[in-house]
N, C-alpha and C. Protein backbone atom coordinates (compact mmCIF):
# COMPACT_ATOMS: atom_id res chain seq x y z
N MET A 1 48.74 42.05 127.39
CA MET A 1 49.26 43.26 126.93
C MET A 1 49.55 43.35 125.43
N THR A 2 49.61 42.26 124.89
CA THR A 2 49.89 42.17 123.46
C THR A 2 48.56 42.55 122.65
N SER A 3 47.48 42.62 123.27
CA SER A 3 46.31 43.36 122.48
C SER A 3 46.42 44.69 122.26
N LEU A 4 47.06 45.42 123.06
CA LEU A 4 47.29 46.82 122.85
C LEU A 4 48.38 47.20 121.94
N SER A 5 48.17 48.20 121.23
CA SER A 5 49.33 48.59 120.31
C SER A 5 49.89 49.97 120.75
N VAL A 6 51.07 50.21 120.45
CA VAL A 6 51.76 51.51 120.86
C VAL A 6 50.73 52.65 120.04
N SER A 7 50.34 52.51 118.96
CA SER A 7 49.48 53.57 118.42
C SER A 7 48.21 53.72 119.04
N SER A 8 47.59 52.72 119.56
CA SER A 8 46.22 52.95 120.24
C SER A 8 46.53 53.47 121.68
N VAL A 9 47.55 53.18 122.28
CA VAL A 9 47.90 53.82 123.69
C VAL A 9 48.37 55.22 123.44
N LYS A 10 49.14 55.47 122.41
CA LYS A 10 49.88 56.63 122.33
C LYS A 10 48.65 57.78 121.86
N ALA A 11 47.54 57.27 121.30
CA ALA A 11 46.47 58.11 121.08
C ALA A 11 45.90 58.84 122.34
N GLY A 12 46.09 58.21 123.51
CA GLY A 12 45.74 58.77 124.75
C GLY A 12 46.67 59.58 125.35
N TRP A 13 47.94 59.96 124.69
CA TRP A 13 48.92 60.72 125.12
C TRP A 13 49.09 61.98 124.29
N THR A 14 49.18 63.23 124.76
CA THR A 14 49.45 64.31 123.92
C THR A 14 50.95 64.47 123.57
N PRO A 15 51.36 65.10 122.56
CA PRO A 15 52.72 65.23 122.24
C PRO A 15 53.45 65.93 123.40
N LYS A 16 52.92 66.85 124.18
CA LYS A 16 53.61 67.25 125.42
C LYS A 16 53.74 66.28 126.56
N GLN A 17 52.85 65.33 126.65
CA GLN A 17 53.05 64.28 127.64
C GLN A 17 54.04 63.32 127.11
N ASN A 18 54.08 63.00 125.95
CA ASN A 18 55.11 62.20 125.41
C ASN A 18 56.41 62.55 125.72
N LYS A 19 56.68 63.97 125.35
CA LYS A 19 58.03 64.72 125.68
C LYS A 19 58.37 64.70 127.05
N LEU A 20 57.41 64.90 127.87
CA LEU A 20 57.64 64.89 129.34
C LEU A 20 58.02 63.37 129.85
N PHE A 21 57.41 62.44 129.23
CA PHE A 21 57.68 61.18 129.53
C PHE A 21 59.11 60.92 129.13
N GLU A 22 59.54 61.24 127.88
CA GLU A 22 61.05 60.88 127.55
C GLU A 22 61.89 61.55 128.44
N GLN A 23 61.61 62.90 128.83
CA GLN A 23 62.49 63.61 129.58
C GLN A 23 62.64 62.85 131.01
N ALA A 24 61.48 62.61 131.50
CA ALA A 24 61.40 61.82 132.96
C ALA A 24 62.22 60.54 132.87
N LEU A 25 62.20 59.85 131.82
CA LEU A 25 62.88 58.58 131.70
C LEU A 25 64.33 58.83 131.67
N ALA A 26 64.78 59.99 131.18
CA ALA A 26 66.24 60.35 131.12
C ALA A 26 66.64 60.63 132.74
N VAL A 27 65.91 61.03 133.40
CA VAL A 27 66.00 61.60 134.84
C VAL A 27 66.00 60.37 135.77
N HIS A 28 64.91 59.56 135.69
CA HIS A 28 64.69 58.55 136.57
C HIS A 28 65.01 57.27 135.91
N ASP A 29 66.24 56.69 136.09
CA ASP A 29 66.71 55.53 135.58
C ASP A 29 66.00 54.23 136.33
N ARG A 30 66.49 53.04 135.93
CA ARG A 30 65.79 51.96 136.53
C ARG A 30 66.03 51.70 137.92
N ASP A 31 67.22 52.34 138.45
CA ASP A 31 67.59 52.23 139.87
C ASP A 31 66.89 53.31 140.70
N THR A 32 66.13 54.18 140.28
CA THR A 32 65.41 55.27 140.96
C THR A 32 64.32 54.65 141.81
N PRO A 33 64.34 54.94 143.00
CA PRO A 33 63.04 54.43 143.92
C PRO A 33 61.84 55.08 143.41
N ASP A 34 60.82 54.15 143.41
CA ASP A 34 59.51 54.88 142.90
C ASP A 34 59.51 55.46 141.49
N ARG A 35 60.33 54.85 140.61
CA ARG A 35 60.57 55.44 139.25
C ARG A 35 59.27 55.70 138.54
N TRP A 36 58.30 54.83 138.55
CA TRP A 36 57.16 54.94 137.92
C TRP A 36 56.12 56.07 138.36
N HIS A 37 56.27 56.11 139.61
CA HIS A 37 55.37 57.19 140.40
C HIS A 37 55.99 58.69 140.03
N ASN A 38 57.34 58.70 140.00
CA ASN A 38 58.07 59.97 139.69
C ASN A 38 57.81 60.35 138.34
N ILE A 39 57.75 59.37 137.37
CA ILE A 39 57.59 59.66 135.85
C ILE A 39 56.10 60.00 135.73
N ALA A 40 55.18 59.38 136.28
CA ALA A 40 53.77 59.75 136.29
C ALA A 40 53.65 61.13 136.75
N ARG A 41 54.14 61.54 137.80
CA ARG A 41 54.16 62.90 138.36
C ARG A 41 54.64 63.86 137.45
N ALA A 42 55.81 63.68 136.76
CA ALA A 42 56.31 64.39 135.71
C ALA A 42 55.46 64.58 134.50
N VAL A 43 54.84 63.56 134.03
CA VAL A 43 54.07 63.58 132.92
C VAL A 43 52.75 64.36 133.18
N GLY A 44 52.15 64.07 134.30
CA GLY A 44 50.92 64.80 134.64
C GLY A 44 49.70 64.27 133.92
N GLY A 45 48.70 65.06 133.73
CA GLY A 45 47.53 64.72 133.08
C GLY A 45 46.64 63.48 133.52
N GLY A 46 46.87 63.18 134.75
CA GLY A 46 46.21 62.15 135.27
C GLY A 46 46.90 60.77 134.95
N LYS A 47 47.99 60.77 134.54
CA LYS A 47 48.63 59.49 134.20
C LYS A 47 49.01 58.80 135.53
N SER A 48 48.83 57.54 135.72
CA SER A 48 49.27 56.74 136.91
C SER A 48 50.49 56.13 136.68
N ALA A 49 51.03 55.65 137.77
CA ALA A 49 52.35 54.83 137.61
C ALA A 49 52.10 53.66 136.78
N ASP A 50 50.95 53.01 136.89
CA ASP A 50 50.87 51.83 135.92
C ASP A 50 50.60 52.33 134.46
N ASP A 51 49.94 53.36 134.12
CA ASP A 51 50.04 54.00 132.85
C ASP A 51 51.33 54.21 132.35
N VAL A 52 52.19 54.90 132.89
CA VAL A 52 53.47 55.10 132.35
C VAL A 52 54.29 53.86 132.30
N ARG A 53 54.19 52.94 133.21
CA ARG A 53 54.87 51.57 133.10
C ARG A 53 54.51 50.80 131.86
N ARG A 54 53.09 50.78 131.59
CA ARG A 54 52.66 50.12 130.44
C ARG A 54 53.07 50.79 129.22
N TYR A 55 53.14 52.03 129.15
CA TYR A 55 53.42 52.78 128.01
C TYR A 55 54.86 52.58 127.62
N TYR A 56 55.80 52.59 128.72
CA TYR A 56 57.23 52.05 128.57
C TYR A 56 57.40 50.65 128.03
N GLN A 57 56.66 49.72 128.62
CA GLN A 57 56.75 48.34 128.08
C GLN A 57 56.34 48.22 126.73
N LEU A 58 55.15 48.88 126.22
CA LEU A 58 54.83 48.84 124.83
C LEU A 58 55.97 49.45 124.03
N LEU A 59 56.57 50.40 124.30
CA LEU A 59 57.71 51.00 123.59
C LEU A 59 58.78 50.16 123.33
N VAL A 60 59.10 49.50 124.68
CA VAL A 60 60.29 48.49 124.64
C VAL A 60 59.86 47.48 123.64
N ASP A 61 58.63 46.86 123.69
CA ASP A 61 58.26 45.85 122.93
C ASP A 61 58.41 46.26 121.39
N ASP A 62 57.77 47.36 121.08
CA ASP A 62 57.78 48.04 119.73
C ASP A 62 59.39 48.07 119.27
N VAL A 63 60.28 48.54 119.98
CA VAL A 63 61.69 48.67 119.55
C VAL A 63 62.28 47.14 119.36
N ALA A 64 61.92 46.31 120.20
CA ALA A 64 62.40 44.86 119.92
C ALA A 64 61.82 44.29 118.58
N ARG A 65 60.50 44.63 118.35
CA ARG A 65 60.00 44.18 116.92
C ARG A 65 60.70 44.82 115.85
N ILE A 66 60.98 46.06 115.82
CA ILE A 66 61.79 46.79 114.89
C ILE A 66 63.24 46.12 114.82
N GLU A 67 63.98 45.96 115.80
CA GLU A 67 65.11 45.46 115.86
C GLU A 67 65.29 44.16 115.31
N ALA A 68 64.28 43.22 115.43
CA ALA A 68 64.10 41.93 115.01
C ALA A 68 63.75 41.85 113.56
N GLY A 69 63.47 42.96 112.96
CA GLY A 69 63.12 43.03 111.52
C GLY A 69 61.72 42.57 111.19
N ASN A 70 60.94 42.83 112.28
CA ASN A 70 59.43 42.45 112.14
C ASN A 70 58.55 43.55 111.75
N VAL A 71 59.15 44.67 111.38
CA VAL A 71 58.51 45.85 111.08
C VAL A 71 58.95 46.35 109.74
N PRO A 72 58.09 46.45 108.65
CA PRO A 72 58.65 46.78 107.41
C PRO A 72 59.05 48.27 107.26
N PHE A 73 59.89 48.58 106.44
CA PHE A 73 60.29 49.84 106.19
C PHE A 73 59.18 50.58 105.45
N PRO A 74 58.99 51.90 105.84
CA PRO A 74 58.03 52.55 105.02
C PRO A 74 58.26 52.86 103.72
N ALA A 75 57.27 53.00 102.85
CA ALA A 75 57.59 53.29 101.42
C ALA A 75 57.76 54.71 101.24
N TYR A 76 58.97 55.17 101.20
CA TYR A 76 59.11 56.40 101.04
C TYR A 76 59.16 56.73 99.50
N ARG A 77 58.56 57.97 99.11
CA ARG A 77 58.63 58.37 97.72
C ARG A 77 60.00 58.93 97.38
N ALA A 78 60.31 58.70 96.23
CA ALA A 78 61.65 59.16 95.64
C ALA A 78 61.61 60.63 95.18
N PRO A 79 62.57 61.39 95.60
CA PRO A 79 62.50 62.91 95.21
C PRO A 79 62.49 62.90 93.70
N CYS A 80 61.76 64.04 93.19
CA CYS A 80 61.63 64.25 91.83
C CYS A 80 63.00 64.68 91.30
N PRO A 81 63.39 64.34 90.08
CA PRO A 81 64.68 64.77 89.58
C PRO A 81 64.69 66.28 89.48
N GLY A 82 65.83 66.93 89.89
CA GLY A 82 65.99 68.48 89.74
C GLY A 82 65.24 69.19 90.94
N SER A 83 64.59 68.40 91.94
CA SER A 83 63.90 69.02 92.97
C SER A 83 65.10 69.29 94.05
N TYR A 84 64.77 70.17 94.94
CA TYR A 84 65.60 70.60 95.98
C TYR A 84 66.02 69.35 96.84
N GLU A 85 65.29 68.46 97.17
CA GLU A 85 65.53 67.21 97.91
C GLU A 85 66.50 66.31 97.20
N ALA A 86 66.23 66.09 95.67
CA ALA A 86 67.18 65.37 95.01
C ALA A 86 68.57 66.03 94.80
N ASP A 87 68.51 67.31 94.90
CA ASP A 87 69.97 68.02 94.93
C ASP A 87 70.70 67.81 96.20
N ARG A 88 70.04 67.89 97.37
CA ARG A 88 70.57 67.67 98.59
C ARG A 88 71.07 66.20 98.67
N LEU A 89 70.30 65.19 98.23
CA LEU A 89 70.62 63.77 98.30
C LEU A 89 71.86 63.67 97.51
N LYS A 90 72.02 64.17 96.33
CA LYS A 90 73.20 64.03 95.42
C LYS A 90 74.44 64.37 96.11
N HIS A 91 74.36 65.34 97.03
CA HIS A 91 75.63 65.77 97.73
C HIS A 91 75.83 65.04 99.13
N LEU A 92 75.03 64.30 99.56
CA LEU A 92 74.85 63.59 100.97
C LEU A 92 76.09 62.54 100.89
N LYS A 93 76.86 62.62 101.87
CA LYS A 93 77.89 61.69 101.98
C LYS A 93 77.43 60.74 103.34
N ILE A 94 77.48 59.46 103.03
CA ILE A 94 77.04 58.53 104.05
C ILE A 94 78.33 57.65 104.13
């Protein structure tokens, strides 16, 4: 399963299917009988229970890599001085 990446698998999922997947995960927790079948049915689009289980596992693995510090931060561009973004950041309290 390590030969697959989240981006390559996600390419086969529409944004709507991804949203339905997220919503179904919130409804069908790990104790739900036939969890993956229920989630596949909610996602639709011909996704099988194995498809949604693999998709979930890839996302879990991806989160683990991020939390372990194995994914570099994206290179965000700095806002231009005097821009709306720069002005908003100046007043941001963290």
